[in-house]
Amino acid sequence: MRRLLNYFLSGFLIVAPIGLTIYILYALLRWLNELFAGLSFDVPGLGLVVAVLLITAVGFVAKSFLVRPFLIITERLLHRTPLVSIIYSSLKDLFDAFVGDNQKFNRPVLVRMSATDQTFKMGFVTQPGMQAIHRDDLLAVYFPHSYNFSGELVLVPVQNVTYLDLPSSEVMKFIVSGGVSRLG
């Protein structure tokens, strides 16, 4: 019986990640197709193609010198509207940190968590100095949580930080996977 349970667990560890990935992709494609379900014809994958084309078209139009002033005015309005400004600016900063021109998660570091023990955490420097609070001896380091899309920001002494010569994407994958993915 124990051998059958071990076989089941081994199979589960192989099938579950693959199955969940396929299911999430299927659900996403299905949702995108349902967005365009009102059309008189049903083409699988049409929703994905249309969504990619629309997002690309918005990006193209946004880069136009004629549209740029309207985008700036709209952004200013969003920044001045109570409650909306908090949500909008937080989301904009988050997206910019990952894919914008001001990517913040591009400096992976290893941080010694205390002077008395040998405990380290991997993270990303988001601010090289904390001049705003008159602490140039501190860095802002973001530590993503494993198996989650959250994290914590910790201000740490500069001498506790070691910059890593590794691609940021590999370090992020390593942290988010709980250390299961390989580095390098």
N, C-alpha and C. Protein backbone atom coordinates (compact mmCIF):
# COMPACT_ATOMS: atom_id res chain seq x y z
N MET A 1 0.82 -1.19 0.00
CA MET A 1 0.00 0.00 0.00
C MET A 1 0.87 1.27 0.00
N ARG A 2 1.96 1.23 0.78
CA ARG A 2 2.86 2.38 0.85
C ARG A 2 3.50 2.66 -0.51
N ARG A 3 3.84 1.59 -1.23
CA ARG A 3 4.44 1.74 -2.55
C ARG A 3 3.44 2.41 -3.51
N LEU A 4 2.17 2.01 -3.46
CA LEU A 4 1.15 2.63 -4.30
C LEU A 4 0.99 4.12 -3.96
N LEU A 5 1.03 4.44 -2.67
CA LEU A 5 0.93 5.84 -2.26
C LEU A 5 2.12 6.65 -2.77
N ASN A 6 3.32 6.08 -2.72
CA ASN A 6 4.50 6.76 -3.26
C ASN A 6 4.39 6.98 -4.77
N TYR A 7 3.87 5.97 -5.49
CA TYR A 7 3.66 6.12 -6.92
C TYR A 7 2.66 7.24 -7.20
N PHE A 8 1.59 7.25 -6.41
CA PHE A 8 0.57 8.29 -6.58
C PHE A 8 1.17 9.68 -6.35
N LEU A 9 1.92 9.85 -5.26
CA LEU A 9 2.52 11.15 -4.95
C LEU A 9 3.52 11.56 -6.02
N SER A 10 4.32 10.62 -6.53
CA SER A 10 5.26 10.94 -7.61
C SER A 10 4.51 11.39 -8.86
N GLY A 11 3.46 10.68 -9.20
CA GLY A 11 2.65 11.06 -10.36
C GLY A 11 1.98 12.40 -10.16
N PHE A 12 1.49 12.63 -8.94
CA PHE A 12 0.83 13.90 -8.64
C PHE A 12 1.79 15.07 -8.81
N LEU A 13 3.02 14.90 -8.34
CA LEU A 13 4.01 15.98 -8.45
C LEU A 13 4.38 16.28 -9.90
N ILE A 14 4.17 15.31 -10.78
CA ILE A 14 4.43 15.53 -12.20
C ILE A 14 3.21 16.12 -12.89
N VAL A 15 2.04 15.56 -12.60
CA VAL A 15 0.82 15.93 -13.30
C VAL A 15 0.25 17.27 -12.82
N ALA A 16 0.31 17.57 -11.53
CA ALA A 16 -0.33 18.77 -10.98
C ALA A 16 0.20 20.06 -11.60
N PRO A 17 1.51 20.31 -11.63
CA PRO A 17 1.96 21.57 -12.23
C PRO A 17 1.61 21.69 -13.71
N ILE A 18 1.74 20.58 -14.44
CA ILE A 18 1.41 20.60 -15.87
C ILE A 18 -0.08 20.83 -16.05
N GLY A 19 -0.87 20.11 -15.28
CA GLY A 19 -2.33 20.25 -15.38
C GLY A 19 -2.81 21.64 -15.01
N LEU A 20 -2.28 22.20 -13.94
CA LEU A 20 -2.68 23.55 -13.53
C LEU A 20 -2.26 24.59 -14.56
N THR A 21 -1.09 24.43 -15.13
CA THR A 21 -0.63 25.37 -16.15
C THR A 21 -1.55 25.31 -17.37
N ILE A 22 -1.88 24.11 -17.82
CA ILE A 22 -2.77 23.95 -18.96
C ILE A 22 -4.15 24.52 -18.64
N TYR A 23 -4.65 24.26 -17.44
CA TYR A 23 -5.97 24.76 -17.05
C TYR A 23 -6.00 26.29 -17.01
N ILE A 24 -4.97 26.91 -16.43
CA ILE A 24 -4.92 28.37 -16.35
C ILE A 24 -4.87 28.98 -17.75
N LEU A 25 -4.03 28.40 -18.63
CA LEU A 25 -3.97 28.90 -20.01
C LEU A 25 -5.30 28.70 -20.72
N TYR A 26 -5.94 27.55 -20.52
CA TYR A 26 -7.23 27.28 -21.13
C TYR A 26 -8.28 28.27 -20.63
N ALA A 27 -8.31 28.51 -19.31
CA ALA A 27 -9.28 29.43 -18.73
C ALA A 27 -9.06 30.85 -19.27
N LEU A 28 -7.80 31.25 -19.40
CA LEU A 28 -7.49 32.58 -19.93
C LEU A 28 -7.96 32.70 -21.38
N LEU A 29 -7.66 31.69 -22.21
CA LEU A 29 -8.09 31.72 -23.61
C LEU A 29 -9.62 31.71 -23.71
N ARG A 30 -10.26 30.91 -22.88
CA ARG A 30 -11.72 30.84 -22.90
C ARG A 30 -12.33 32.18 -22.51
N TRP A 31 -11.76 32.82 -21.48
CA TRP A 31 -12.25 34.13 -21.05
C TRP A 31 -12.09 35.16 -22.16
N LEU A 32 -10.92 35.15 -22.83
CA LEU A 32 -10.70 36.10 -23.92
C LEU A 32 -11.67 35.84 -25.07
N ASN A 33 -11.95 34.57 -25.36
CA ASN A 33 -12.91 34.25 -26.42
C ASN A 33 -14.31 34.70 -26.06
N GLU A 34 -14.68 34.57 -24.77
CA GLU A 34 -16.01 35.00 -24.33
C GLU A 34 -16.20 36.50 -24.45
N LEU A 35 -15.10 37.25 -24.37
CA LEU A 35 -15.20 38.70 -24.55
C LEU A 35 -15.72 39.06 -25.93
N PHE A 36 -15.41 38.21 -26.90
CA PHE A 36 -15.80 38.49 -28.27
C PHE A 36 -16.85 37.48 -28.76
N ALA A 37 -17.64 36.93 -27.82
CA ALA A 37 -18.63 35.90 -28.16
C ALA A 37 -19.80 36.47 -28.96
N GLY A 38 -20.01 37.77 -28.94
CA GLY A 38 -21.13 38.37 -29.66
C GLY A 38 -20.95 38.36 -31.16
N LEU A 39 -19.78 38.01 -31.62
CA LEU A 39 -19.55 37.96 -33.06
C LEU A 39 -20.33 36.80 -33.67
N SER A 40 -20.65 36.92 -34.94
CA SER A 40 -21.48 35.90 -35.59
C SER A 40 -20.72 34.63 -35.93
N PHE A 41 -19.42 34.60 -35.71
CA PHE A 41 -18.65 33.39 -35.97
C PHE A 41 -17.78 33.09 -34.77
N ASP A 42 -17.49 31.80 -34.56
CA ASP A 42 -16.72 31.38 -33.40
C ASP A 42 -15.41 30.77 -33.86
N VAL A 43 -14.32 31.47 -33.60
CA VAL A 43 -13.00 30.99 -33.98
C VAL A 43 -12.18 30.81 -32.70
N PRO A 44 -11.75 29.58 -32.40
CA PRO A 44 -10.95 29.38 -31.19
C PRO A 44 -9.66 30.21 -31.23
N GLY A 45 -9.37 30.88 -30.14
CA GLY A 45 -8.17 31.69 -30.06
C GLY A 45 -8.34 33.11 -30.59
N LEU A 46 -9.53 33.42 -31.14
CA LEU A 46 -9.76 34.75 -31.69
C LEU A 46 -9.65 35.82 -30.60
N GLY A 47 -10.13 35.52 -29.41
CA GLY A 47 -10.07 36.48 -28.31
C GLY A 47 -8.64 36.87 -27.99
N LEU A 48 -7.74 35.89 -27.95
CA LEU A 48 -6.33 36.16 -27.67
C LEU A 48 -5.72 37.02 -28.76
N VAL A 49 -5.99 36.68 -30.01
CA VAL A 49 -5.43 37.44 -31.13
C VAL A 49 -5.96 38.87 -31.11
N VAL A 50 -7.26 39.03 -30.89
CA VAL A 50 -7.85 40.37 -30.87
C VAL A 50 -7.31 41.18 -29.69
N ALA A 51 -7.16 40.55 -28.52
CA ALA A 51 -6.62 41.25 -27.35
C ALA A 51 -5.20 41.72 -27.60
N VAL A 52 -4.36 40.87 -28.17
CA VAL A 52 -2.98 41.26 -28.47
C VAL A 52 -2.96 42.40 -29.49
N LEU A 53 -3.79 42.30 -30.52
CA LEU A 53 -3.84 43.36 -31.53
C LEU A 53 -4.34 44.68 -30.94
N LEU A 54 -5.37 44.63 -30.08
CA LEU A 54 -5.89 45.86 -29.46
C LEU A 54 -4.85 46.51 -28.55
N ILE A 55 -4.18 45.71 -27.74
CA ILE A 55 -3.16 46.26 -26.84
C ILE A 55 -2.02 46.87 -27.64
N THR A 56 -1.61 46.21 -28.72
CA THR A 56 -0.56 46.74 -29.58
C THR A 56 -1.02 48.04 -30.24
N ALA A 57 -2.27 48.09 -30.69
CA ALA A 57 -2.80 49.30 -31.33
C ALA A 57 -2.84 50.45 -30.32
N VAL A 58 -3.25 50.18 -29.08
CA VAL A 58 -3.26 51.22 -28.05
C VAL A 58 -1.85 51.74 -27.82
N GLY A 59 -0.88 50.84 -27.76
CA GLY A 59 0.51 51.25 -27.60
C GLY A 59 1.00 52.10 -28.75
N PHE A 60 0.61 51.73 -29.97
CA PHE A 60 0.99 52.50 -31.15
C PHE A 60 0.39 53.90 -31.12
N VAL A 61 -0.90 53.96 -30.80
CA VAL A 61 -1.58 55.26 -30.75
C VAL A 61 -1.02 56.11 -29.61
N ALA A 62 -0.69 55.47 -28.47
CA ALA A 62 -0.17 56.21 -27.32
C ALA A 62 1.17 56.85 -27.62
N LYS A 63 1.94 56.28 -28.51
CA LYS A 63 3.25 56.85 -28.87
C LYS A 63 3.13 58.01 -29.85
N SER A 64 1.94 58.22 -30.39
CA SER A 64 1.71 59.30 -31.34
C SER A 64 1.82 60.65 -30.64
N PHE A 65 2.46 61.60 -31.29
CA PHE A 65 2.64 62.92 -30.67
C PHE A 65 1.31 63.66 -30.52
N LEU A 66 0.28 63.29 -31.29
CA LEU A 66 -1.02 63.94 -31.17
C LEU A 66 -1.79 63.46 -29.94
N VAL A 67 -1.62 62.21 -29.56
CA VAL A 67 -2.36 61.62 -28.45
C VAL A 67 -1.66 61.86 -27.12
N ARG A 68 -0.37 62.04 -27.15
CA ARG A 68 0.43 62.17 -25.92
C ARG A 68 -0.11 63.24 -24.96
N PRO A 69 -0.47 64.45 -25.43
CA PRO A 69 -1.01 65.45 -24.50
C PRO A 69 -2.29 65.00 -23.80
N PHE A 70 -3.16 64.27 -24.50
CA PHE A 70 -4.38 63.78 -23.87
C PHE A 70 -4.08 62.74 -22.81
N LEU A 71 -3.09 61.90 -23.05
CA LEU A 71 -2.70 60.92 -22.05
C LEU A 71 -2.13 61.60 -20.81
N ILE A 72 -1.35 62.65 -21.01
CA ILE A 72 -0.78 63.38 -19.87
C ILE A 72 -1.88 64.04 -19.05
N ILE A 73 -2.85 64.64 -19.71
CA ILE A 73 -3.97 65.28 -19.01
C ILE A 73 -4.78 64.23 -18.25
N THR A 74 -5.05 63.10 -18.89
CA THR A 74 -5.81 62.02 -18.23
C THR A 74 -5.06 61.50 -17.02
N GLU A 75 -3.76 61.32 -17.15
CA GLU A 75 -2.96 60.83 -16.03
C GLU A 75 -2.96 61.84 -14.87
N ARG A 76 -2.85 63.12 -15.18
CA ARG A 76 -2.91 64.15 -14.13
C ARG A 76 -4.26 64.12 -13.42
N LEU A 77 -5.33 63.96 -14.18
CA LEU A 77 -6.67 63.88 -13.60
C LEU A 77 -6.78 62.67 -12.67
N LEU A 78 -6.25 61.53 -13.10
CA LEU A 78 -6.28 60.33 -12.26
C LEU A 78 -5.47 60.52 -10.99
N HIS A 79 -4.35 61.23 -11.08
CA HIS A 79 -3.51 61.48 -9.90
C HIS A 79 -4.17 62.43 -8.91
N ARG A 80 -5.08 63.27 -9.38
CA ARG A 80 -5.72 64.26 -8.50
C ARG A 80 -7.04 63.78 -7.92
N THR A 81 -7.57 62.69 -8.42
CA THR A 81 -8.86 62.18 -7.94
C THR A 81 -8.63 61.35 -6.68
N PRO A 82 -9.31 61.73 -5.58
CA PRO A 82 -9.13 60.96 -4.33
C PRO A 82 -9.48 59.48 -4.53
N LEU A 83 -8.81 58.63 -3.84
CA LEU A 83 -8.93 57.17 -3.88
C LEU A 83 -8.46 56.59 -5.21
N VAL A 84 -8.92 57.15 -6.32
CA VAL A 84 -8.47 56.68 -7.63
C VAL A 84 -6.96 56.88 -7.76
N SER A 85 -6.46 57.99 -7.23
CA SER A 85 -5.03 58.28 -7.35
C SER A 85 -4.19 57.23 -6.63
N ILE A 86 -4.66 56.77 -5.49
CA ILE A 86 -3.91 55.75 -4.75
C ILE A 86 -3.84 54.45 -5.55
N ILE A 87 -4.98 54.03 -6.05
CA ILE A 87 -5.06 52.78 -6.81
C ILE A 87 -4.26 52.89 -8.11
N TYR A 88 -4.51 53.97 -8.85
CA TYR A 88 -3.85 54.13 -10.15
C TYR A 88 -2.34 54.23 -10.00
N SER A 89 -1.86 55.08 -9.10
CA SER A 89 -0.41 55.27 -8.97
C SER A 89 0.27 54.01 -8.47
N SER A 90 -0.39 53.27 -7.56
CA SER A 90 0.20 52.01 -7.08
C SER A 90 0.32 50.99 -8.21
N LEU A 91 -0.74 50.84 -8.98
CA LEU A 91 -0.71 49.89 -10.09
C LEU A 91 0.28 50.31 -11.16
N LYS A 92 0.31 51.60 -11.47
CA LYS A 92 1.25 52.09 -12.49
C LYS A 92 2.70 51.86 -12.04
N ASP A 93 2.99 52.16 -10.78
CA ASP A 93 4.34 51.93 -10.27
C ASP A 93 4.71 50.46 -10.29
N LEU A 94 3.74 49.60 -9.95
CA LEU A 94 3.99 48.16 -9.95
C LEU A 94 4.29 47.65 -11.36
N PHE A 95 3.48 48.06 -12.33
CA PHE A 95 3.72 47.62 -13.70
C PHE A 95 5.03 48.20 -14.24
N ASP A 96 5.32 49.45 -13.93
CA ASP A 96 6.58 50.05 -14.37
C ASP A 96 7.77 49.33 -13.75
N ALA A 97 7.62 48.86 -12.52
CA ALA A 97 8.72 48.16 -11.84
C ALA A 97 9.08 46.87 -12.56
N PHE A 98 8.08 46.21 -13.16
CA PHE A 98 8.34 44.94 -13.82
C PHE A 98 8.66 45.10 -15.31
N VAL A 99 7.92 45.94 -16.03
CA VAL A 99 8.08 45.98 -17.48
C VAL A 99 8.27 47.36 -18.06
N GLY A 100 8.24 48.38 -17.27
CA GLY A 100 8.33 49.74 -17.79
C GLY A 100 9.76 50.16 -18.07
N ASP A 101 9.91 51.45 -18.39
CA ASP A 101 11.24 52.00 -18.64
C ASP A 101 12.04 52.11 -17.35
N ASN A 102 11.36 52.15 -16.22
CA ASN A 102 12.03 52.29 -14.92
C ASN A 102 11.98 50.99 -14.13
N GLN A 103 12.39 49.90 -14.74
CA GLN A 103 12.35 48.60 -14.07
C GLN A 103 13.13 48.66 -12.76
N LYS A 104 12.49 48.19 -11.69
CA LYS A 104 13.11 48.27 -10.37
C LYS A 104 13.72 46.94 -9.93
N PHE A 105 13.26 45.83 -10.47
CA PHE A 105 13.75 44.54 -10.02
C PHE A 105 14.88 44.05 -10.92
N ASN A 106 15.89 44.89 -11.11
CA ASN A 106 16.99 44.52 -11.99
C ASN A 106 18.33 44.46 -11.25
N ARG A 107 18.30 44.59 -9.91
CA ARG A 107 19.54 44.50 -9.13
C ARG A 107 19.37 43.48 -8.01
N PRO A 108 19.58 42.19 -8.32
CA PRO A 108 19.43 41.16 -7.29
C PRO A 108 20.54 41.24 -6.26
N VAL A 109 20.17 40.96 -5.01
CA VAL A 109 21.15 41.03 -3.91
C VAL A 109 20.93 39.88 -2.94
N LEU A 110 21.98 39.60 -2.18
CA LEU A 110 21.94 38.66 -1.08
C LEU A 110 22.14 39.50 0.18
N VAL A 111 21.20 39.40 1.13
CA VAL A 111 21.23 40.25 2.31
C VAL A 111 21.42 39.41 3.56
N ARG A 112 22.41 39.76 4.33
CA ARG A 112 22.62 39.13 5.64
C ARG A 112 21.62 39.77 6.59
N MET A 113 20.74 38.96 7.17
CA MET A 113 19.62 39.49 7.93
C MET A 113 20.01 40.00 9.32
N SER A 114 21.08 39.50 9.91
CA SER A 114 21.53 40.05 11.19
C SER A 114 23.03 39.81 11.33
N ALA A 115 23.64 40.60 12.18
CA ALA A 115 25.09 40.50 12.36
C ALA A 115 25.49 39.29 13.20
N THR A 116 24.54 38.71 13.92
CA THR A 116 24.88 37.63 14.84
C THR A 116 24.74 36.23 14.26
N ASP A 117 23.98 36.07 13.19
CA ASP A 117 23.83 34.71 12.65
C ASP A 117 24.12 34.70 11.15
N GLN A 118 24.05 33.54 10.57
CA GLN A 118 24.35 33.36 9.15
C GLN A 118 23.06 33.16 8.35
N THR A 119 22.08 34.03 8.54
CA THR A 119 20.82 33.95 7.82
C THR A 119 20.82 34.99 6.71
N PHE A 120 20.51 34.54 5.50
CA PHE A 120 20.52 35.41 4.34
C PHE A 120 19.18 35.33 3.62
N LYS A 121 18.81 36.41 2.92
CA LYS A 121 17.63 36.44 2.07
C LYS A 121 18.05 37.02 0.72
N MET A 122 17.39 36.56 -0.34
CA MET A 122 17.62 37.13 -1.66
C MET A 122 16.50 38.12 -1.95
N GLY A 123 16.87 39.21 -2.58
CA GLY A 123 15.88 40.22 -2.93
C GLY A 123 16.39 41.12 -4.02
N PHE A 124 15.77 42.30 -4.15
CA PHE A 124 16.11 43.25 -5.20
C PHE A 124 16.19 44.65 -4.62
N VAL A 125 17.28 45.36 -4.91
CA VAL A 125 17.40 46.74 -4.46
C VAL A 125 16.43 47.58 -5.29
N THR A 126 15.55 48.33 -4.61
CA THR A 126 14.61 49.21 -5.31
C THR A 126 14.98 50.68 -5.14
N GLN A 127 15.72 51.01 -4.09
CA GLN A 127 16.22 52.37 -3.88
C GLN A 127 17.64 52.26 -3.34
N PRO A 128 18.62 52.85 -4.01
CA PRO A 128 20.01 52.71 -3.58
C PRO A 128 20.36 53.47 -2.30
N GLY A 129 19.56 54.39 -1.89
CA GLY A 129 19.81 55.15 -0.67
C GLY A 129 18.51 55.75 -0.17
N MET A 130 18.44 56.00 1.10
CA MET A 130 17.21 56.52 1.69
C MET A 130 17.41 57.97 2.13
N GLN A 131 17.76 58.84 1.17
CA GLN A 131 17.97 60.24 1.47
C GLN A 131 16.71 60.91 2.00
N ALA A 132 15.54 60.45 1.58
CA ALA A 132 14.28 61.06 2.01
C ALA A 132 14.09 60.99 3.52
N ILE A 133 14.67 59.97 4.15
CA ILE A 133 14.55 59.86 5.61
C ILE A 133 15.91 60.08 6.28
N HIS A 134 16.82 60.68 5.52
CA HIS A 134 18.15 61.04 6.02
C HIS A 134 18.93 59.83 6.52
N ARG A 135 18.85 58.73 5.77
CA ARG A 135 19.58 57.51 6.10
C ARG A 135 20.27 56.99 4.85
N ASP A 136 21.37 57.62 4.47
CA ASP A 136 22.12 57.18 3.30
C ASP A 136 22.78 55.82 3.52
N ASP A 137 22.82 55.36 4.77
CA ASP A 137 23.45 54.08 5.07
C ASP A 137 22.50 52.91 4.87
N LEU A 138 21.24 53.18 4.46
CA LEU A 138 20.25 52.13 4.24
C LEU A 138 19.88 52.01 2.77
N LEU A 139 19.57 50.79 2.36
CA LEU A 139 19.04 50.52 1.02
C LEU A 139 17.62 50.00 1.18
N ALA A 140 16.77 50.25 0.18
CA ALA A 140 15.45 49.64 0.15
C ALA A 140 15.56 48.35 -0.66
N VAL A 141 15.27 47.24 -0.01
CA VAL A 141 15.36 45.93 -0.67
C VAL A 141 13.99 45.27 -0.61
N TYR A 142 13.52 44.82 -1.77
CA TYR A 142 12.23 44.13 -1.86
C TYR A 142 12.50 42.63 -1.85
N PHE A 143 11.80 41.93 -0.95
CA PHE A 143 11.91 40.48 -0.84
C PHE A 143 10.59 39.85 -1.28
N PRO A 144 10.54 39.28 -2.50
CA PRO A 144 9.30 38.59 -2.93
C PRO A 144 9.06 37.36 -2.06
N HIS A 145 7.80 37.03 -1.85
CA HIS A 145 7.45 35.82 -1.10
C HIS A 145 7.44 34.63 -2.05
N SER A 146 7.76 33.47 -1.51
CA SER A 146 7.73 32.24 -2.31
C SER A 146 6.29 31.81 -2.54
N TYR A 147 6.03 31.31 -3.74
CA TYR A 147 4.71 30.79 -4.14
C TYR A 147 3.60 31.80 -3.91
N ASN A 148 3.87 33.06 -4.15
CA ASN A 148 2.88 34.09 -3.91
C ASN A 148 3.26 35.31 -4.74
N PHE A 149 2.31 36.17 -4.99
CA PHE A 149 2.59 37.42 -5.69
C PHE A 149 2.53 38.57 -4.69
N SER A 150 3.32 38.43 -3.67
CA SER A 150 3.43 39.48 -2.66
C SER A 150 4.87 39.52 -2.20
N GLY A 151 5.16 40.40 -1.28
CA GLY A 151 6.52 40.50 -0.77
C GLY A 151 6.56 41.53 0.33
N GLU A 152 7.77 41.84 0.76
CA GLU A 152 7.93 42.84 1.80
C GLU A 152 9.12 43.73 1.47
N LEU A 153 9.03 44.97 1.90
CA LEU A 153 10.11 45.91 1.69
C LEU A 153 10.82 46.09 3.02
N VAL A 154 12.14 45.92 3.02
CA VAL A 154 12.94 46.04 4.23
C VAL A 154 14.08 47.00 3.96
N LEU A 155 14.31 47.91 4.90
CA LEU A 155 15.45 48.81 4.80
C LEU A 155 16.60 48.16 5.56
N VAL A 156 17.69 47.92 4.84
CA VAL A 156 18.81 47.19 5.43
C VAL A 156 20.10 48.00 5.32
N PRO A 157 21.03 47.78 6.25
CA PRO A 157 22.32 48.48 6.17
C PRO A 157 23.09 48.07 4.91
N VAL A 158 23.75 49.04 4.31
CA VAL A 158 24.50 48.82 3.08
C VAL A 158 25.51 47.69 3.23
N GLN A 159 26.18 47.61 4.37
CA GLN A 159 27.22 46.60 4.56
C GLN A 159 26.66 45.17 4.62
N ASN A 160 25.35 45.01 4.78
CA ASN A 160 24.74 43.68 4.80
C ASN A 160 24.35 43.19 3.42
N VAL A 161 24.55 44.01 2.40
CA VAL A 161 24.08 43.69 1.05
C VAL A 161 25.25 43.29 0.16
N THR A 162 25.08 42.17 -0.55
CA THR A 162 26.03 41.70 -1.55
C THR A 162 25.29 41.64 -2.88
N TYR A 163 25.76 42.39 -3.87
CA TYR A 163 25.13 42.36 -5.19
C TYR A 163 25.49 41.04 -5.88
N LEU A 164 24.49 40.45 -6.53
CA LEU A 164 24.67 39.17 -7.21
C LEU A 164 24.86 39.40 -8.70
N ASP A 165 25.78 38.69 -9.29
CA ASP A 165 26.02 38.77 -10.73
C ASP A 165 25.20 37.67 -11.41
N LEU A 166 23.87 37.79 -11.30
CA LEU A 166 22.95 36.82 -11.87
C LEU A 166 21.81 37.57 -12.56
N PRO A 167 21.19 36.96 -13.56
CA PRO A 167 20.04 37.61 -14.20
C PRO A 167 18.88 37.76 -13.20
N SER A 168 18.25 38.90 -13.21
CA SER A 168 17.14 39.17 -12.29
C SER A 168 16.01 38.15 -12.44
N SER A 169 15.73 37.75 -13.68
CA SER A 169 14.63 36.80 -13.90
C SER A 169 14.92 35.46 -13.23
N GLU A 170 16.18 35.01 -13.23
CA GLU A 170 16.52 33.75 -12.57
C GLU A 170 16.40 33.86 -11.06
N VAL A 171 16.82 35.00 -10.50
CA VAL A 171 16.72 35.20 -9.06
C VAL A 171 15.26 35.26 -8.64
N MET A 172 14.42 35.97 -9.42
CA MET A 172 12.98 36.05 -9.10
C MET A 172 12.36 34.66 -9.17
N LYS A 173 12.69 33.88 -10.19
CA LYS A 173 12.15 32.52 -10.31
C LYS A 173 12.60 31.65 -9.14
N PHE A 174 13.85 31.80 -8.73
CA PHE A 174 14.39 31.05 -7.61
C PHE A 174 13.63 31.39 -6.31
N ILE A 175 13.41 32.67 -6.08
CA ILE A 175 12.71 33.09 -4.85
C ILE A 175 11.26 32.64 -4.87
N VAL A 176 10.56 32.93 -5.97
CA VAL A 176 9.13 32.61 -6.05
C VAL A 176 8.90 31.11 -5.99
N SER A 177 9.86 30.31 -6.47
CA SER A 177 9.69 28.86 -6.43
C SER A 177 10.05 28.29 -5.06
N GLY A 178 10.41 29.14 -4.12
CA GLY A 178 10.78 28.66 -2.80
C GLY A 178 12.16 28.02 -2.78
N GLY A 179 13.00 28.39 -3.75
CA GLY A 179 14.35 27.84 -3.81
C GLY A 179 14.46 26.53 -4.56
N VAL A 180 13.38 26.11 -5.19
CA VAL A 180 13.37 24.84 -5.91
C VAL A 180 14.05 24.97 -7.27
N SER A 181 13.83 26.09 -7.95
CA SER A 181 14.48 26.31 -9.25
C SER A 181 15.97 26.47 -9.07
N ARG A 182 16.71 26.12 -10.09
CA ARG A 182 18.17 26.24 -10.02
C ARG A 182 18.61 27.64 -10.40
N LEU A 183 19.68 28.09 -9.77
CA LEU A 183 20.30 29.36 -10.13
C LEU A 183 21.46 29.09 -11.05
N GLY A 184 21.63 29.95 -12.06
CA GLY A 184 22.81 29.86 -12.93
C GLY A 184 22.71 28.92 -14.02
